[in-house]
Amino acid sequence: YYTLEYAPTAEPARKRTQQVSGAH
């Protein structure tokens, strides 16, 4: 599966994480 992490460049502490199926 994939782990997706994203955050505003200016505020890395606001990172959000999502798991995505390997089929996507």
PDBML (XML) file of the C-alpha atoms, coordinates in Angstrom:
<?xml version="1.0" encoding="UTF-8" ?>
<PDBx:datablock datablockName="MODEL"
   xmlns:PDBx="http://pdbml.pdb.org/schema/pdbx-v50.xsd"
   xmlns:xsi="http://www.w3.org/2001/XMLSchema-instance"
   xsi:schemaLocation="http://pdbml.pdb.org/schema/pdbx-v50.xsd pdbx-v50.xsd">
   <PDBx:atom_siteCategory>
      <PDBx:atom_site id="1">
         <PDBx:B_iso_or_equiv>0.00</PDBx:B_iso_or_equiv>
         <PDBx:Cartn_x>0.000</PDBx:Cartn_x>
         <PDBx:Cartn_y>0.000</PDBx:Cartn_y>
         <PDBx:Cartn_z>0.000</PDBx:Cartn_z>
         <PDBx:auth_asym_id>A</PDBx:auth_asym_id>
         <PDBx:auth_atom_id>CA</PDBx:auth_atom_id>
         <PDBx:auth_comp_id>TYR</PDBx:auth_comp_id>
         <PDBx:auth_seq_id>1</PDBx:auth_seq_id>
         <PDBx:group_PDB>ATOM</PDBx:group_PDB>
         <PDBx:label_alt_id xsi:nil="true" />
         <PDBx:label_asym_id>A</PDBx:label_asym_id>
         <PDBx:label_atom_id>CA</PDBx:label_atom_id>
         <PDBx:label_comp_id>TYR</PDBx:label_comp_id>
         <PDBx:label_entity_id>1</PDBx:label_entity_id>
         <PDBx:label_seq_id>1</PDBx:label_seq_id>
         <PDBx:occupancy>1.00</PDBx:occupancy>
         <PDBx:pdbx_PDB_model_num>1</PDBx:pdbx_PDB_model_num>
         <PDBx:type_symbol>C</PDBx:type_symbol>
      </PDBx:atom_site>
      <PDBx:atom_site id="2">
         <PDBx:B_iso_or_equiv>0.00</PDBx:B_iso_or_equiv>
         <PDBx:Cartn_x>1.059</PDBx:Cartn_x>
         <PDBx:Cartn_y>3.644</PDBx:Cartn_y>
         <PDBx:Cartn_z>-0.137</PDBx:Cartn_z>
         <PDBx:auth_asym_id>A</PDBx:auth_asym_id>
         <PDBx:auth_atom_id>CA</PDBx:auth_atom_id>
         <PDBx:auth_comp_id>TYR</PDBx:auth_comp_id>
         <PDBx:auth_seq_id>2</PDBx:auth_seq_id>
         <PDBx:group_PDB>ATOM</PDBx:group_PDB>
         <PDBx:label_alt_id xsi:nil="true" />
         <PDBx:label_asym_id>A</PDBx:label_asym_id>
         <PDBx:label_atom_id>CA</PDBx:label_atom_id>
         <PDBx:label_comp_id>TYR</PDBx:label_comp_id>
         <PDBx:label_entity_id>1</PDBx:label_entity_id>
         <PDBx:label_seq_id>2</PDBx:label_seq_id>
         <PDBx:occupancy>1.00</PDBx:occupancy>
         <PDBx:pdbx_PDB_model_num>1</PDBx:pdbx_PDB_model_num>
         <PDBx:type_symbol>C</PDBx:type_symbol>
      </PDBx:atom_site>
      <PDBx:atom_site id="3">
         <PDBx:B_iso_or_equiv>0.00</PDBx:B_iso_or_equiv>
         <PDBx:Cartn_x>1.451</PDBx:Cartn_x>
         <PDBx:Cartn_y>6.060</PDBx:Cartn_y>
         <PDBx:Cartn_z>2.732</PDBx:Cartn_z>
         <PDBx:auth_asym_id>A</PDBx:auth_asym_id>
         <PDBx:auth_atom_id>CA</PDBx:auth_atom_id>
         <PDBx:auth_comp_id>THR</PDBx:auth_comp_id>
         <PDBx:auth_seq_id>3</PDBx:auth_seq_id>
         <PDBx:group_PDB>ATOM</PDBx:group_PDB>
         <PDBx:label_alt_id xsi:nil="true" />
         <PDBx:label_asym_id>A</PDBx:label_asym_id>
         <PDBx:label_atom_id>CA</PDBx:label_atom_id>
         <PDBx:label_comp_id>THR</PDBx:label_comp_id>
         <PDBx:label_entity_id>1</PDBx:label_entity_id>
         <PDBx:label_seq_id>3</PDBx:label_seq_id>
         <PDBx:occupancy>1.00</PDBx:occupancy>
         <PDBx:pdbx_PDB_model_num>1</PDBx:pdbx_PDB_model_num>
         <PDBx:type_symbol>C</PDBx:type_symbol>
      </PDBx:atom_site>
      <PDBx:atom_site id="4">
         <PDBx:B_iso_or_equiv>0.00</PDBx:B_iso_or_equiv>
         <PDBx:Cartn_x>0.715</PDBx:Cartn_x>
         <PDBx:Cartn_y>9.587</PDBx:Cartn_y>
         <PDBx:Cartn_z>1.577</PDBx:Cartn_z>
         <PDBx:auth_asym_id>A</PDBx:auth_asym_id>
         <PDBx:auth_atom_id>CA</PDBx:auth_atom_id>
         <PDBx:auth_comp_id>LEU</PDBx:auth_comp_id>
         <PDBx:auth_seq_id>4</PDBx:auth_seq_id>
         <PDBx:group_PDB>ATOM</PDBx:group_PDB>
         <PDBx:label_alt_id xsi:nil="true" />
         <PDBx:label_asym_id>A</PDBx:label_asym_id>
         <PDBx:label_atom_id>CA</PDBx:label_atom_id>
         <PDBx:label_comp_id>LEU</PDBx:label_comp_id>
         <PDBx:label_entity_id>1</PDBx:label_entity_id>
         <PDBx:label_seq_id>4</PDBx:label_seq_id>
         <PDBx:occupancy>1.00</PDBx:occupancy>
         <PDBx:pdbx_PDB_model_num>1</PDBx:pdbx_PDB_model_num>
         <PDBx:type_symbol>C</PDBx:type_symbol>
      </PDBx:atom_site>
      <PDBx:atom_site id="5">
         <PDBx:B_iso_or_equiv>0.00</PDBx:B_iso_or_equiv>
         <PDBx:Cartn_x>2.025</PDBx:Cartn_x>
         <PDBx:Cartn_y>12.470</PDBx:Cartn_y>
         <PDBx:Cartn_z>3.649</PDBx:Cartn_z>
         <PDBx:auth_asym_id>A</PDBx:auth_asym_id>
         <PDBx:auth_atom_id>CA</PDBx:auth_atom_id>
         <PDBx:auth_comp_id>GLU</PDBx:auth_comp_id>
         <PDBx:auth_seq_id>5</PDBx:auth_seq_id>
         <PDBx:group_PDB>ATOM</PDBx:group_PDB>
         <PDBx:label_alt_id xsi:nil="true" />
         <PDBx:label_asym_id>A</PDBx:label_asym_id>
         <PDBx:label_atom_id>CA</PDBx:label_atom_id>
         <PDBx:label_comp_id>GLU</PDBx:label_comp_id>
         <PDBx:label_entity_id>1</PDBx:label_entity_id>
         <PDBx:label_seq_id>5</PDBx:label_seq_id>
         <PDBx:occupancy>1.00</PDBx:occupancy>
         <PDBx:pdbx_PDB_model_num>1</PDBx:pdbx_PDB_model_num>
         <PDBx:type_symbol>C</PDBx:type_symbol>
      </PDBx:atom_site>
      <PDBx:atom_site id="6">
         <PDBx:B_iso_or_equiv>0.00</PDBx:B_iso_or_equiv>
         <PDBx:Cartn_x>1.355</PDBx:Cartn_x>
         <PDBx:Cartn_y>16.123</PDBx:Cartn_y>
         <PDBx:Cartn_z>2.895</PDBx:Cartn_z>
         <PDBx:auth_asym_id>A</PDBx:auth_asym_id>
         <PDBx:auth_atom_id>CA</PDBx:auth_atom_id>
         <PDBx:auth_comp_id>TYR</PDBx:auth_comp_id>
         <PDBx:auth_seq_id>6</PDBx:auth_seq_id>
         <PDBx:group_PDB>ATOM</PDBx:group_PDB>
         <PDBx:label_alt_id xsi:nil="true" />
         <PDBx:label_asym_id>A</PDBx:label_asym_id>
         <PDBx:label_atom_id>CA</PDBx:label_atom_id>
         <PDBx:label_comp_id>TYR</PDBx:label_comp_id>
         <PDBx:label_entity_id>1</PDBx:label_entity_id>
         <PDBx:label_seq_id>6</PDBx:label_seq_id>
         <PDBx:occupancy>1.00</PDBx:occupancy>
         <PDBx:pdbx_PDB_model_num>1</PDBx:pdbx_PDB_model_num>
         <PDBx:type_symbol>C</PDBx:type_symbol>
      </PDBx:atom_site>
      <PDBx:atom_site id="7">
         <PDBx:B_iso_or_equiv>0.00</PDBx:B_iso_or_equiv>
         <PDBx:Cartn_x>1.863</PDBx:Cartn_x>
         <PDBx:Cartn_y>19.396</PDBx:Cartn_y>
         <PDBx:Cartn_z>4.700</PDBx:Cartn_z>
         <PDBx:auth_asym_id>A</PDBx:auth_asym_id>
         <PDBx:auth_atom_id>CA</PDBx:auth_atom_id>
         <PDBx:auth_comp_id>ALA</PDBx:auth_comp_id>
         <PDBx:auth_seq_id>7</PDBx:auth_seq_id>
         <PDBx:group_PDB>ATOM</PDBx:group_PDB>
         <PDBx:label_alt_id xsi:nil="true" />
         <PDBx:label_asym_id>A</PDBx:label_asym_id>
         <PDBx:label_atom_id>CA</PDBx:label_atom_id>
         <PDBx:label_comp_id>ALA</PDBx:label_comp_id>
         <PDBx:label_entity_id>1</PDBx:label_entity_id>
         <PDBx:label_seq_id>7</PDBx:label_seq_id>
         <PDBx:occupancy>1.00</PDBx:occupancy>
         <PDBx:pdbx_PDB_model_num>1</PDBx:pdbx_PDB_model_num>
         <PDBx:type_symbol>C</PDBx:type_symbol>
      </PDBx:atom_site>
      <PDBx:atom_site id="8">
         <PDBx:B_iso_or_equiv>0.00</PDBx:B_iso_or_equiv>
         <PDBx:Cartn_x>2.158</PDBx:Cartn_x>
         <PDBx:Cartn_y>23.095</PDBx:Cartn_y>
         <PDBx:Cartn_z>3.897</PDBx:Cartn_z>
         <PDBx:auth_asym_id>A</PDBx:auth_asym_id>
         <PDBx:auth_atom_id>CA</PDBx:auth_atom_id>
         <PDBx:auth_comp_id>PRO</PDBx:auth_comp_id>
         <PDBx:auth_seq_id>8</PDBx:auth_seq_id>
         <PDBx:group_PDB>ATOM</PDBx:group_PDB>
         <PDBx:label_alt_id xsi:nil="true" />
         <PDBx:label_asym_id>A</PDBx:label_asym_id>
         <PDBx:label_atom_id>CA</PDBx:label_atom_id>
         <PDBx:label_comp_id>PRO</PDBx:label_comp_id>
         <PDBx:label_entity_id>1</PDBx:label_entity_id>
         <PDBx:label_seq_id>8</PDBx:label_seq_id>
         <PDBx:occupancy>1.00</PDBx:occupancy>
         <PDBx:pdbx_PDB_model_num>1</PDBx:pdbx_PDB_model_num>
         <PDBx:type_symbol>C</PDBx:type_symbol>
      </PDBx:atom_site>
      <PDBx:atom_site id="9">
         <PDBx:B_iso_or_equiv>0.00</PDBx:B_iso_or_equiv>
         <PDBx:Cartn_x>5.843</PDBx:Cartn_x>
         <PDBx:Cartn_y>23.836</PDBx:Cartn_y>
         <PDBx:Cartn_z>3.212</PDBx:Cartn_z>
         <PDBx:auth_asym_id>A</PDBx:auth_asym_id>
         <PDBx:auth_atom_id>CA</PDBx:auth_atom_id>
         <PDBx:auth_comp_id>THR</PDBx:auth_comp_id>
         <PDBx:auth_seq_id>9</PDBx:auth_seq_id>
         <PDBx:group_PDB>ATOM</PDBx:group_PDB>
         <PDBx:label_alt_id xsi:nil="true" />
         <PDBx:label_asym_id>A</PDBx:label_asym_id>
         <PDBx:label_atom_id>CA</PDBx:label_atom_id>
         <PDBx:label_comp_id>THR</PDBx:label_comp_id>
         <PDBx:label_entity_id>1</PDBx:label_entity_id>
         <PDBx:label_seq_id>9</PDBx:label_seq_id>
         <PDBx:occupancy>1.00</PDBx:occupancy>
         <PDBx:pdbx_PDB_model_num>1</PDBx:pdbx_PDB_model_num>
         <PDBx:type_symbol>C</PDBx:type_symbol>
      </PDBx:atom_site>
      <PDBx:atom_site id="10">
         <PDBx:B_iso_or_equiv>0.00</PDBx:B_iso_or_equiv>
         <PDBx:Cartn_x>5.730</PDBx:Cartn_x>
         <PDBx:Cartn_y>26.687</PDBx:Cartn_y>
         <PDBx:Cartn_z>5.725</PDBx:Cartn_z>
         <PDBx:auth_asym_id>A</PDBx:auth_asym_id>
         <PDBx:auth_atom_id>CA</PDBx:auth_atom_id>
         <PDBx:auth_comp_id>ALA</PDBx:auth_comp_id>
         <PDBx:auth_seq_id>10</PDBx:auth_seq_id>
         <PDBx:group_PDB>ATOM</PDBx:group_PDB>
         <PDBx:label_alt_id xsi:nil="true" />
         <PDBx:label_asym_id>A</PDBx:label_asym_id>
         <PDBx:label_atom_id>CA</PDBx:label_atom_id>
         <PDBx:label_comp_id>ALA</PDBx:label_comp_id>
         <PDBx:label_entity_id>1</PDBx:label_entity_id>
         <PDBx:label_seq_id>10</PDBx:label_seq_id>
         <PDBx:occupancy>1.00</PDBx:occupancy>
         <PDBx:pdbx_PDB_model_num>1</PDBx:pdbx_PDB_model_num>
         <PDBx:type_symbol>C</PDBx:type_symbol>
      </PDBx:atom_site>
      <PDBx:atom_site id="11">
         <PDBx:B_iso_or_equiv>0.00</PDBx:B_iso_or_equiv>
         <PDBx:Cartn_x>4.159</PDBx:Cartn_x>
         <PDBx:Cartn_y>24.536</PDBx:Cartn_y>
         <PDBx:Cartn_z>8.462</PDBx:Cartn_z>
         <PDBx:auth_asym_id>A</PDBx:auth_asym_id>
         <PDBx:auth_atom_id>CA</PDBx:auth_atom_id>
         <PDBx:auth_comp_id>GLU</PDBx:auth_comp_id>
         <PDBx:auth_seq_id>11</PDBx:auth_seq_id>
         <PDBx:group_PDB>ATOM</PDBx:group_PDB>
         <PDBx:label_alt_id xsi:nil="true" />
         <PDBx:label_asym_id>A</PDBx:label_asym_id>
         <PDBx:label_atom_id>CA</PDBx:label_atom_id>
         <PDBx:label_comp_id>GLU</PDBx:label_comp_id>
         <PDBx:label_entity_id>1</PDBx:label_entity_id>
         <PDBx:label_seq_id>11</PDBx:label_seq_id>
         <PDBx:occupancy>1.00</PDBx:occupancy>
         <PDBx:pdbx_PDB_model_num>1</PDBx:pdbx_PDB_model_num>
         <PDBx:type_symbol>C</PDBx:type_symbol>
      </PDBx:atom_site>
      <PDBx:atom_site id="12">
         <PDBx:B_iso_or_equiv>0.00</PDBx:B_iso_or_equiv>
         <PDBx:Cartn_x>5.562</PDBx:Cartn_x>
         <PDBx:Cartn_y>21.000</PDBx:Cartn_y>
         <PDBx:Cartn_z>8.380</PDBx:Cartn_z>
         <PDBx:auth_asym_id>A</PDBx:auth_asym_id>
         <PDBx:auth_atom_id>CA</PDBx:auth_atom_id>
         <PDBx:auth_comp_id>PRO</PDBx:auth_comp_id>
         <PDBx:auth_seq_id>12</PDBx:auth_seq_id>
         <PDBx:group_PDB>ATOM</PDBx:group_PDB>
         <PDBx:label_alt_id xsi:nil="true" />
         <PDBx:label_asym_id>A</PDBx:label_asym_id>
         <PDBx:label_atom_id>CA</PDBx:label_atom_id>
         <PDBx:label_comp_id>PRO</PDBx:label_comp_id>
         <PDBx:label_entity_id>1</PDBx:label_entity_id>
         <PDBx:label_seq_id>12</PDBx:label_seq_id>
         <PDBx:occupancy>1.00</PDBx:occupancy>
         <PDBx:pdbx_PDB_model_num>1</PDBx:pdbx_PDB_model_num>
         <PDBx:type_symbol>C</PDBx:type_symbol>
      </PDBx:atom_site>
      <PDBx:atom_site id="13">
         <PDBx:B_iso_or_equiv>0.00</PDBx:B_iso_or_equiv>
         <PDBx:Cartn_x>3.972</PDBx:Cartn_x>
         <PDBx:Cartn_y>20.314</PDBx:Cartn_y>
         <PDBx:Cartn_z>11.761</PDBx:Cartn_z>
         <PDBx:auth_asym_id>A</PDBx:auth_asym_id>
         <PDBx:auth_atom_id>CA</PDBx:auth_atom_id>
         <PDBx:auth_comp_id>ALA</PDBx:auth_comp_id>
         <PDBx:auth_seq_id>13</PDBx:auth_seq_id>
         <PDBx:group_PDB>ATOM</PDBx:group_PDB>
         <PDBx:label_alt_id xsi:nil="true" />
         <PDBx:label_asym_id>A</PDBx:label_asym_id>
         <PDBx:label_atom_id>CA</PDBx:label_atom_id>
         <PDBx:label_comp_id>ALA</PDBx:label_comp_id>
         <PDBx:label_entity_id>1</PDBx:label_entity_id>
         <PDBx:label_seq_id>13</PDBx:label_seq_id>
         <PDBx:occupancy>1.00</PDBx:occupancy>
         <PDBx:pdbx_PDB_model_num>1</PDBx:pdbx_PDB_model_num>
         <PDBx:type_symbol>C</PDBx:type_symbol>
      </PDBx:atom_site>
      <PDBx:atom_site id="14">
         <PDBx:B_iso_or_equiv>0.00</PDBx:B_iso_or_equiv>
         <PDBx:Cartn_x>0.530</PDBx:Cartn_x>
         <PDBx:Cartn_y>20.337</PDBx:Cartn_y>
         <PDBx:Cartn_z>10.133</PDBx:Cartn_z>
         <PDBx:auth_asym_id>A</PDBx:auth_asym_id>
         <PDBx:auth_atom_id>CA</PDBx:auth_atom_id>
         <PDBx:auth_comp_id>ARG</PDBx:auth_comp_id>
         <PDBx:auth_seq_id>14</PDBx:auth_seq_id>
         <PDBx:group_PDB>ATOM</PDBx:group_PDB>
         <PDBx:label_alt_id xsi:nil="true" />
         <PDBx:label_asym_id>A</PDBx:label_asym_id>
         <PDBx:label_atom_id>CA</PDBx:label_atom_id>
         <PDBx:label_comp_id>ARG</PDBx:label_comp_id>
         <PDBx:label_entity_id>1</PDBx:label_entity_id>
         <PDBx:label_seq_id>14</PDBx:label_seq_id>
         <PDBx:occupancy>1.00</PDBx:occupancy>
         <PDBx:pdbx_PDB_model_num>1</PDBx:pdbx_PDB_model_num>
         <PDBx:type_symbol>C</PDBx:type_symbol>
      </PDBx:atom_site>
      <PDBx:atom_site id="15">
         <PDBx:B_iso_or_equiv>0.00</PDBx:B_iso_or_equiv>
         <PDBx:Cartn_x>1.377</PDBx:Cartn_x>
         <PDBx:Cartn_y>17.131</PDBx:Cartn_y>
         <PDBx:Cartn_z>8.291</PDBx:Cartn_z>
         <PDBx:auth_asym_id>A</PDBx:auth_asym_id>
         <PDBx:auth_atom_id>CA</PDBx:auth_atom_id>
         <PDBx:auth_comp_id>LYS</PDBx:auth_comp_id>
         <PDBx:auth_seq_id>15</PDBx:auth_seq_id>
         <PDBx:group_PDB>ATOM</PDBx:group_PDB>
         <PDBx:label_alt_id xsi:nil="true" />
         <PDBx:label_asym_id>A</PDBx:label_asym_id>
         <PDBx:label_atom_id>CA</PDBx:label_atom_id>
         <PDBx:label_comp_id>LYS</PDBx:label_comp_id>
         <PDBx:label_entity_id>1</PDBx:label_entity_id>
         <PDBx:label_seq_id>15</PDBx:label_seq_id>
         <PDBx:occupancy>1.00</PDBx:occupancy>
         <PDBx:pdbx_PDB_model_num>1</PDBx:pdbx_PDB_model_num>
         <PDBx:type_symbol>C</PDBx:type_symbol>
      </PDBx:atom_site>
      <PDBx:atom_site id="16">
         <PDBx:B_iso_or_equiv>0.00</PDBx:B_iso_or_equiv>
         <PDBx:Cartn_x>-1.509</PDBx:Cartn_x>
         <PDBx:Cartn_y>14.855</PDBx:Cartn_y>
         <PDBx:Cartn_z>7.382</PDBx:Cartn_z>
         <PDBx:auth_asym_id>A</PDBx:auth_asym_id>
         <PDBx:auth_atom_id>CA</PDBx:auth_atom_id>
         <PDBx:auth_comp_id>ARG</PDBx:auth_comp_id>
         <PDBx:auth_seq_id>16</PDBx:auth_seq_id>
         <PDBx:group_PDB>ATOM</PDBx:group_PDB>
         <PDBx:label_alt_id xsi:nil="true" />
         <PDBx:label_asym_id>A</PDBx:label_asym_id>
         <PDBx:label_atom_id>CA</PDBx:label_atom_id>
         <PDBx:label_comp_id>ARG</PDBx:label_comp_id>
         <PDBx:label_entity_id>1</PDBx:label_entity_id>
         <PDBx:label_seq_id>16</PDBx:label_seq_id>
         <PDBx:occupancy>1.00</PDBx:occupancy>
         <PDBx:pdbx_PDB_model_num>1</PDBx:pdbx_PDB_model_num>
         <PDBx:type_symbol>C</PDBx:type_symbol>
      </PDBx:atom_site>
      <PDBx:atom_site id="17">
         <PDBx:B_iso_or_equiv>0.00</PDBx:B_iso_or_equiv>
         <PDBx:Cartn_x>-1.132</PDBx:Cartn_x>
         <PDBx:Cartn_y>11.175</PDBx:Cartn_y>
         <PDBx:Cartn_z>6.549</PDBx:Cartn_z>
         <PDBx:auth_asym_id>A</PDBx:auth_asym_id>
         <PDBx:auth_atom_id>CA</PDBx:auth_atom_id>
         <PDBx:auth_comp_id>THR</PDBx:auth_comp_id>
         <PDBx:auth_seq_id>17</PDBx:auth_seq_id>
         <PDBx:group_PDB>ATOM</PDBx:group_PDB>
         <PDBx:label_alt_id xsi:nil="true" />
         <PDBx:label_asym_id>A</PDBx:label_asym_id>
         <PDBx:label_atom_id>CA</PDBx:label_atom_id>
         <PDBx:label_comp_id>THR</PDBx:label_comp_id>
         <PDBx:label_entity_id>1</PDBx:label_entity_id>
         <PDBx:label_seq_id>17</PDBx:label_seq_id>
         <PDBx:occupancy>1.00</PDBx:occupancy>
         <PDBx:pdbx_PDB_model_num>1</PDBx:pdbx_PDB_model_num>
         <PDBx:type_symbol>C</PDBx:type_symbol>
      </PDBx:atom_site>
      <PDBx:atom_site id="18">
         <PDBx:B_iso_or_equiv>0.00</PDBx:B_iso_or_equiv>
         <PDBx:Cartn_x>-3.348</PDBx:Cartn_x>
         <PDBx:Cartn_y>8.915</PDBx:Cartn_y>
         <PDBx:Cartn_z>4.497</PDBx:Cartn_z>
         <PDBx:auth_asym_id>A</PDBx:auth_asym_id>
         <PDBx:auth_atom_id>CA</PDBx:auth_atom_id>
         <PDBx:auth_comp_id>GLN</PDBx:auth_comp_id>
         <PDBx:auth_seq_id>18</PDBx:auth_seq_id>
         <PDBx:group_PDB>ATOM</PDBx:group_PDB>
         <PDBx:label_alt_id xsi:nil="true" />
         <PDBx:label_asym_id>A</PDBx:label_asym_id>
         <PDBx:label_atom_id>CA</PDBx:label_atom_id>
         <PDBx:label_comp_id>GLN</PDBx:label_comp_id>
         <PDBx:label_entity_id>1</PDBx:label_entity_id>
         <PDBx:label_seq_id>18</PDBx:label_seq_id>
         <PDBx:occupancy>1.00</PDBx:occupancy>
         <PDBx:pdbx_PDB_model_num>1</PDBx:pdbx_PDB_model_num>
         <PDBx:type_symbol>C</PDBx:type_symbol>
      </PDBx:atom_site>
      <PDBx:atom_site id="19">
         <PDBx:B_iso_or_equiv>0.00</PDBx:B_iso_or_equiv>
         <PDBx:Cartn_x>-3.100</PDBx:Cartn_x>
         <PDBx:Cartn_y>5.266</PDBx:Cartn_y>
         <PDBx:Cartn_z>3.484</PDBx:Cartn_z>
         <PDBx:auth_asym_id>A</PDBx:auth_asym_id>
         <PDBx:auth_atom_id>CA</PDBx:auth_atom_id>
         <PDBx:auth_comp_id>GLN</PDBx:auth_comp_id>
         <PDBx:auth_seq_id>19</PDBx:auth_seq_id>
         <PDBx:group_PDB>ATOM</PDBx:group_PDB>
         <PDBx:label_alt_id xsi:nil="true" />
         <PDBx:label_asym_id>A</PDBx:label_asym_id>
         <PDBx:label_atom_id>CA</PDBx:label_atom_id>
         <PDBx:label_comp_id>GLN</PDBx:label_comp_id>
         <PDBx:label_entity_id>1</PDBx:label_entity_id>
         <PDBx:label_seq_id>19</PDBx:label_seq_id>
         <PDBx:occupancy>1.00</PDBx:occupancy>
         <PDBx:pdbx_PDB_model_num>1</PDBx:pdbx_PDB_model_num>
         <PDBx:type_symbol>C</PDBx:type_symbol>
      </PDBx:atom_site>
      <PDBx:atom_site id="20">
         <PDBx:B_iso_or_equiv>0.00</PDBx:B_iso_or_equiv>
         <PDBx:Cartn_x>-3.901</PDBx:Cartn_x>
         <PDBx:Cartn_y>4.334</PDBx:Cartn_y>
         <PDBx:Cartn_z>-0.091</PDBx:Cartn_z>
         <PDBx:auth_asym_id>A</PDBx:auth_asym_id>
         <PDBx:auth_atom_id>CA</PDBx:auth_atom_id>
         <PDBx:auth_comp_id>VAL</PDBx:auth_comp_id>
         <PDBx:auth_seq_id>20</PDBx:auth_seq_id>
         <PDBx:group_PDB>ATOM</PDBx:group_PDB>
         <PDBx:label_alt_id xsi:nil="true" />
         <PDBx:label_asym_id>A</PDBx:label_asym_id>
         <PDBx:label_atom_id>CA</PDBx:label_atom_id>
         <PDBx:label_comp_id>VAL</PDBx:label_comp_id>
         <PDBx:label_entity_id>1</PDBx:label_entity_id>
         <PDBx:label_seq_id>20</PDBx:label_seq_id>
         <PDBx:occupancy>1.00</PDBx:occupancy>
         <PDBx:pdbx_PDB_model_num>1</PDBx:pdbx_PDB_model_num>
         <PDBx:type_symbol>C</PDBx:type_symbol>
      </PDBx:atom_site>
      <PDBx:atom_site id="21">
         <PDBx:B_iso_or_equiv>0.00</PDBx:B_iso_or_equiv>
         <PDBx:Cartn_x>-4.427</PDBx:Cartn_x>
         <PDBx:Cartn_y>0.873</PDBx:Cartn_y>
         <PDBx:Cartn_z>-1.537</PDBx:Cartn_z>
         <PDBx:auth_asym_id>A</PDBx:auth_asym_id>
         <PDBx:auth_atom_id>CA</PDBx:auth_atom_id>
         <PDBx:auth_comp_id>SER</PDBx:auth_comp_id>
         <PDBx:auth_seq_id>21</PDBx:auth_seq_id>
         <PDBx:group_PDB>ATOM</PDBx:group_PDB>
         <PDBx:label_alt_id xsi:nil="true" />
         <PDBx:label_asym_id>A</PDBx:label_asym_id>
         <PDBx:label_atom_id>CA</PDBx:label_atom_id>
         <PDBx:label_comp_id>SER</PDBx:label_comp_id>
         <PDBx:label_entity_id>1</PDBx:label_entity_id>
         <PDBx:label_seq_id>21</PDBx:label_seq_id>
         <PDBx:occupancy>1.00</PDBx:occupancy>
         <PDBx:pdbx_PDB_model_num>1</PDBx:pdbx_PDB_model_num>
         <PDBx:type_symbol>C</PDBx:type_symbol>
      </PDBx:atom_site>
      <PDBx:atom_site id="22">
         <PDBx:B_iso_or_equiv>0.00</PDBx:B_iso_or_equiv>
         <PDBx:Cartn_x>-1.664</PDBx:Cartn_x>
         <PDBx:Cartn_y>-0.457</PDBx:Cartn_y>
         <PDBx:Cartn_z>-3.791</PDBx:Cartn_z>
         <PDBx:auth_asym_id>A</PDBx:auth_asym_id>
         <PDBx:auth_atom_id>CA</PDBx:auth_atom_id>
         <PDBx:auth_comp_id>GLY</PDBx:auth_comp_id>
         <PDBx:auth_seq_id>22</PDBx:auth_seq_id>
         <PDBx:group_PDB>ATOM</PDBx:group_PDB>
         <PDBx:label_alt_id xsi:nil="true" />
         <PDBx:label_asym_id>A</PDBx:label_asym_id>
         <PDBx:label_atom_id>CA</PDBx:label_atom_id>
         <PDBx:label_comp_id>GLY</PDBx:label_comp_id>
         <PDBx:label_entity_id>1</PDBx:label_entity_id>
         <PDBx:label_seq_id>22</PDBx:label_seq_id>
         <PDBx:occupancy>1.00</PDBx:occupancy>
         <PDBx:pdbx_PDB_model_num>1</PDBx:pdbx_PDB_model_num>
         <PDBx:type_symbol>C</PDBx:type_symbol>
      </PDBx:atom_site>
      <PDBx:atom_site id="23">
         <PDBx:B_iso_or_equiv>0.00</PDBx:B_iso_or_equiv>
         <PDBx:Cartn_x>-4.178</PDBx:Cartn_x>
         <PDBx:Cartn_y>-0.689</PDBx:Cartn_y>
         <PDBx:Cartn_z>-6.627</PDBx:Cartn_z>
         <PDBx:auth_asym_id>A</PDBx:auth_asym_id>
         <PDBx:auth_atom_id>CA</PDBx:auth_atom_id>
         <PDBx:auth_comp_id>ALA</PDBx:auth_comp_id>
         <PDBx:auth_seq_id>23</PDBx:auth_seq_id>
         <PDBx:group_PDB>ATOM</PDBx:group_PDB>
         <PDBx:label_alt_id xsi:nil="true" />
         <PDBx:label_asym_id>A</PDBx:label_asym_id>
         <PDBx:label_atom_id>CA</PDBx:label_atom_id>
         <PDBx:label_comp_id>ALA</PDBx:label_comp_id>
         <PDBx:label_entity_id>1</PDBx:label_entity_id>
         <PDBx:label_seq_id>23</PDBx:label_seq_id>
         <PDBx:occupancy>1.00</PDBx:occupancy>
         <PDBx:pdbx_PDB_model_num>1</PDBx:pdbx_PDB_model_num>
         <PDBx:type_symbol>C</PDBx:type_symbol>
      </PDBx:atom_site>
      <PDBx:atom_site id="24">
         <PDBx:B_iso_or_equiv>0.00</PDBx:B_iso_or_equiv>
         <PDBx:Cartn_x>-4.511</PDBx:Cartn_x>
         <PDBx:Cartn_y>3.119</PDBx:Cartn_y>
         <PDBx:Cartn_z>-6.869</PDBx:Cartn_z>
         <PDBx:auth_asym_id>A</PDBx:auth_asym_id>
         <PDBx:auth_atom_id>CA</PDBx:auth_atom_id>
         <PDBx:auth_comp_id>HIS</PDBx:auth_comp_id>
         <PDBx:auth_seq_id>24</PDBx:auth_seq_id>
         <PDBx:group_PDB>ATOM</PDBx:group_PDB>
         <PDBx:label_alt_id xsi:nil="true" />
         <PDBx:label_asym_id>A</PDBx:label_asym_id>
         <PDBx:label_atom_id>CA</PDBx:label_atom_id>
         <PDBx:label_comp_id>HIS</PDBx:label_comp_id>
         <PDBx:label_entity_id>1</PDBx:label_entity_id>
         <PDBx:label_seq_id>24</PDBx:label_seq_id>
         <PDBx:occupancy>1.00</PDBx:occupancy>
         <PDBx:pdbx_PDB_model_num>1</PDBx:pdbx_PDB_model_num>
         <PDBx:type_symbol>C</PDBx:type_symbol>
      </PDBx:atom_site>
   </PDBx:atom_siteCategory>
</PDBx:datablock>
